[in-house]
Amino acid sequence: MVGQDSNRSPVTIRKLLAKGENADPIELVREALSDVLDPELGMDIVSLGLVYDITRFNNQITVDMTLTTPGCPVAESLPRSAQEEASKSVPGLDVEVRVVWDPPWDPSMINRPDYGR
């Protein structure tokens, strides 16, 4: 696993390994998504509140996420990065990342202690 995820941070690799084989796939995906940064804001997509939902049905994980604006310059690359990181965290499961626009994102959705929430 460490060889596969050599581009991941050492802290995240340790967290994923510590969870073991019985780890909840939804939590593994959420943890992996916390490594995906919005390059414009310099924050991870989970803390930004861009990840709305993560569900599992059989061997399918579905991530519903949004972007800060419909015209976001990273509209293609950010969901692709989320897909790649999520897929690495749950080998053997299919991961689909869907971009949704309801509800629209706004800064009050940021969940980061040092941001005033």
C-alpha atoms as a PDB file:
ATOM      1  CA  MET A   1       0.000   0.000   0.000  1.00  0.00           C
ATOM      2  CA  VAL A   2       2.787   2.443   0.802  1.00  0.00           C
ATOM      3  CA  GLY A   3       4.385   1.800  -2.584  1.00  0.00           C
ATOM      4  CA  GLN A   4       1.096   2.475  -4.358  1.00  0.00           C
ATOM      5  CA  ASP A   5       0.509   5.703  -2.470  1.00  0.00           C
ATOM      6  CA  SER A   6       4.038   7.058  -2.499  1.00  0.00           C
ATOM      7  CA  ASN A   7       2.733  10.478  -3.561  1.00  0.00           C
ATOM      8  CA  ARG A   8       0.542  10.730  -0.450  1.00  0.00           C
ATOM      9  CA  SER A   9       1.660  12.456   2.691  1.00  0.00           C
ATOM     10  CA  PRO A  10       3.364  10.228   5.312  1.00  0.00           C
ATOM     11  CA  VAL A  11       0.751  11.230   7.885  1.00  0.00           C
ATOM     12  CA  THR A  12      -2.128  10.070   5.674  1.00  0.00           C
ATOM     13  CA  ILE A  13      -0.375   6.820   4.804  1.00  0.00           C
ATOM     14  CA  ARG A  14       0.093   6.080   8.523  1.00  0.00           C
ATOM     15  CA  LYS A  15      -3.569   6.881   9.231  1.00  0.00           C
ATOM     16  CA  LEU A  16      -4.790   4.595   6.439  1.00  0.00           C
ATOM     17  CA  LEU A  17      -2.484   1.760   7.483  1.00  0.00           C
ATOM     18  CA  ALA A  18      -3.535   2.126  11.130  1.00  0.00           C
ATOM     19  CA  LYS A  19      -7.183   1.663  10.179  1.00  0.00           C
ATOM     20  CA  GLY A  20      -6.456  -1.798   8.791  1.00  0.00           C
ATOM     21  CA  GLU A  21      -8.541  -4.011   6.542  1.00  0.00           C
ATOM     22  CA  ASN A  22     -11.719  -3.554   8.599  1.00  0.00           C
ATOM     23  CA  ALA A  23     -11.766   0.195   8.078  1.00  0.00           C
ATOM     24  CA  ASP A  24     -14.954   1.860   6.909  1.00  0.00           C
ATOM     25  CA  PRO A  25     -14.505   2.596   3.175  1.00  0.00           C
ATOM     26  CA  ILE A  26     -16.453   5.838   3.495  1.00  0.00           C
ATOM     27  CA  GLU A  27     -14.054   7.074   6.165  1.00  0.00           C
ATOM     28  CA  LEU A  28     -11.063   5.981   4.082  1.00  0.00           C
ATOM     29  CA  VAL A  29     -12.404   7.986   1.152  1.00  0.00           C
ATOM     30  CA  ARG A  30     -13.104  11.019   3.350  1.00  0.00           C
ATOM     31  CA  GLU A  31      -9.544  10.832   4.711  1.00  0.00           C
ATOM     32  CA  ALA A  32      -8.126  10.571   1.194  1.00  0.00           C
ATOM     33  CA  LEU A  33     -10.203  13.543   0.019  1.00  0.00           C
ATOM     34  CA  SER A  34      -8.728  15.628   2.818  1.00  0.00           C
ATOM     35  CA  ASP A  35      -5.443  15.438   0.852  1.00  0.00           C
ATOM     36  CA  VAL A  36      -7.019  17.032  -2.233  1.00  0.00           C
ATOM     37  CA  LEU A  37      -6.291  20.758  -2.195  1.00  0.00           C
ATOM     38  CA  ASP A  38      -8.135  23.518  -3.965  1.00  0.00           C
ATOM     39  CA  PRO A  39      -5.137  25.266  -5.541  1.00  0.00           C
ATOM     40  CA  GLU A  40      -6.767  28.691  -5.473  1.00  0.00           C
ATOM     41  CA  LEU A  41      -7.721  28.638  -1.795  1.00  0.00           C
ATOM     42  CA  GLY A  42      -4.932  26.381  -0.493  1.00  0.00           C
ATOM     43  CA  MET A  43      -7.343  24.302   1.594  1.00  0.00           C
ATOM     44  CA  ASP A  44      -8.479  20.726   1.256  1.00  0.00           C
ATOM     45  CA  ILE A  45     -11.865  20.042  -0.294  1.00  0.00           C
ATOM     46  CA  VAL A  46     -13.273  18.417   2.861  1.00  0.00           C
ATOM     47  CA  SER A  47     -12.443  21.422   5.067  1.00  0.00           C
ATOM     48  CA  LEU A  48     -13.788  23.743   2.387  1.00  0.00           C
ATOM     49  CA  GLY A  49     -17.137  21.958   2.566  1.00  0.00           C
ATOM     50  CA  LEU A  50     -16.994  20.946  -1.097  1.00  0.00           C
ATOM     51  CA  VAL A  51     -17.674  17.270  -0.288  1.00  0.00           C
ATOM     52  CA  TYR A  52     -21.406  16.975   0.295  1.00  0.00           C
ATOM     53  CA  ASP A  53     -21.899  13.223   0.570  1.00  0.00           C
ATOM     54  CA  ILE A  54     -20.086   9.897   0.356  1.00  0.00           C
ATOM     55  CA  THR A  55     -22.191   6.765  -0.019  1.00  0.00           C
ATOM     56  CA  ARG A  56     -21.582   3.095  -0.637  1.00  0.00           C
ATOM     57  CA  PHE A  57     -23.786   0.586  -2.399  1.00  0.00           C
ATOM     58  CA  ASN A  58     -22.205  -2.846  -2.829  1.00  0.00           C
ATOM     59  CA  ASN A  59     -18.831  -2.245  -4.535  1.00  0.00           C
ATOM     60  CA  GLN A  60     -19.628   1.329  -5.596  1.00  0.00           C
ATOM     61  CA  ILE A  61     -18.574   4.435  -3.665  1.00  0.00           C
ATOM     62  CA  THR A  62     -20.219   7.662  -4.810  1.00  0.00           C
ATOM     63  CA  VAL A  63     -18.847  11.057  -3.852  1.00  0.00           C
ATOM     64  CA  ASP A  64     -21.070  14.089  -4.344  1.00  0.00           C
ATOM     65  CA  MET A  65     -19.014  17.243  -4.365  1.00  0.00           C
ATOM     66  CA  THR A  66     -19.315  20.765  -5.617  1.00  0.00           C
ATOM     67  CA  LEU A  67     -17.039  23.585  -6.647  1.00  0.00           C
ATOM     68  CA  THR A  68     -16.819  27.115  -5.315  1.00  0.00           C
ATOM     69  CA  THR A  69     -18.427  28.474  -8.501  1.00  0.00           C
ATOM     70  CA  PRO A  70     -19.796  26.962 -11.723  1.00  0.00           C
ATOM     71  CA  GLY A  71     -17.047  28.751 -13.679  1.00  0.00           C
ATOM     72  CA  CYS A  72     -14.307  27.498 -11.371  1.00  0.00           C
ATOM     73  CA  PRO A  73     -10.966  27.273 -13.224  1.00  0.00           C
ATOM     74  CA  VAL A  74     -10.317  23.827 -11.699  1.00  0.00           C
ATOM     75  CA  ALA A  75     -13.726  22.440 -12.717  1.00  0.00           C
ATOM     76  CA  GLU A  76     -12.087  19.544 -14.563  1.00  0.00           C
ATOM     77  CA  SER A  77      -8.939  18.922 -12.556  1.00  0.00           C
ATOM     78  CA  LEU A  78     -10.344  19.075  -8.998  1.00  0.00           C
ATOM     79  CA  PRO A  79     -12.992  16.335  -9.448  1.00  0.00           C
ATOM     80  CA  ARG A  80     -10.396  14.251 -11.308  1.00  0.00           C
ATOM     81  CA  SER A  81      -7.949  14.625  -8.399  1.00  0.00           C
ATOM     82  CA  ALA A  82     -10.730  13.672  -5.976  1.00  0.00           C
ATOM     83  CA  GLN A  83     -11.499  10.586  -8.074  1.00  0.00           C
ATOM     84  CA  GLU A  84      -7.845   9.528  -8.158  1.00  0.00           C
ATOM     85  CA  GLU A  85      -7.254   9.953  -4.421  1.00  0.00           C
ATOM     86  CA  ALA A  86     -10.541   8.316  -3.450  1.00  0.00           C
ATOM     87  CA  SER A  87      -9.873   5.344  -5.734  1.00  0.00           C
ATOM     88  CA  LYS A  88      -6.414   4.799  -4.236  1.00  0.00           C
ATOM     89  CA  SER A  89      -7.884   4.677  -0.740  1.00  0.00           C
ATOM     90  CA  VAL A  90     -10.302   1.808  -1.464  1.00  0.00           C
ATOM     91  CA  PRO A  91      -8.681  -0.663  -3.869  1.00  0.00           C
ATOM     92  CA  GLY A  92     -11.197  -3.094  -5.306  1.00  0.00           C
ATOM     93  CA  LEU A  93     -14.118  -0.682  -5.066  1.00  0.00           C
ATOM     94  CA  ASP A  94     -15.393   1.495  -7.891  1.00  0.00           C
ATOM     95  CA  VAL A  95     -15.447   5.210  -7.134  1.00  0.00           C
ATOM     96  CA  GLU A  96     -17.620   7.739  -8.904  1.00  0.00           C
ATOM     97  CA  VAL A  97     -17.247  11.470  -8.245  1.00  0.00           C
ATOM     98  CA  ARG A  98     -20.247  13.569  -9.204  1.00  0.00           C
ATOM     99  CA  VAL A  99     -20.223  17.351  -9.295  1.00  0.00           C
ATOM    100  CA  VAL A 100     -23.498  18.721  -7.958  1.00  0.00           C
ATOM    101  CA  TRP A 101     -24.681  22.316  -7.658  1.00  0.00           C
ATOM    102  CA  ASP A 102     -27.430  22.011  -5.069  1.00  0.00           C
ATOM    103  CA  PRO A 103     -27.002  23.486  -2.583  1.00  0.00           C
ATOM    104  CA  PRO A 104     -24.723  26.150  -4.001  1.00  0.00           C
ATOM    105  CA  TRP A 105     -21.441  26.429  -2.104  1.00  0.00           C
ATOM    106  CA  ASP A 106     -20.762  29.497   0.011  1.00  0.00           C
ATOM    107  CA  PRO A 107     -17.974  30.364   2.469  1.00  0.00           C
ATOM    108  CA  SER A 108     -20.142  29.515   5.486  1.00  0.00           C
ATOM    109  CA  MET A 109     -19.636  25.848   4.545  1.00  0.00           C
ATOM    110  CA  ILE A 110     -15.937  25.998   5.413  1.00  0.00           C
ATOM    111  CA  ASN A 111     -15.245  23.713   8.360  1.00  0.00           C
ATOM    112  CA  ARG A 112     -11.865  24.697   9.712  1.00  0.00           C
ATOM    113  CA  PRO A 113     -11.227  25.793  13.297  1.00  0.00           C
ATOM    114  CA  ASP A 114      -8.794  28.537  12.332  1.00  0.00           C
ATOM    115  CA  TYR A 115     -11.293  29.995   9.854  1.00  0.00           C
ATOM    116  CA  GLY A 116     -13.735  31.212  12.471  1.00  0.00           C
ATOM    117  CA  ARG A 117     -16.193  28.342  12.626  1.00  0.00           C
END
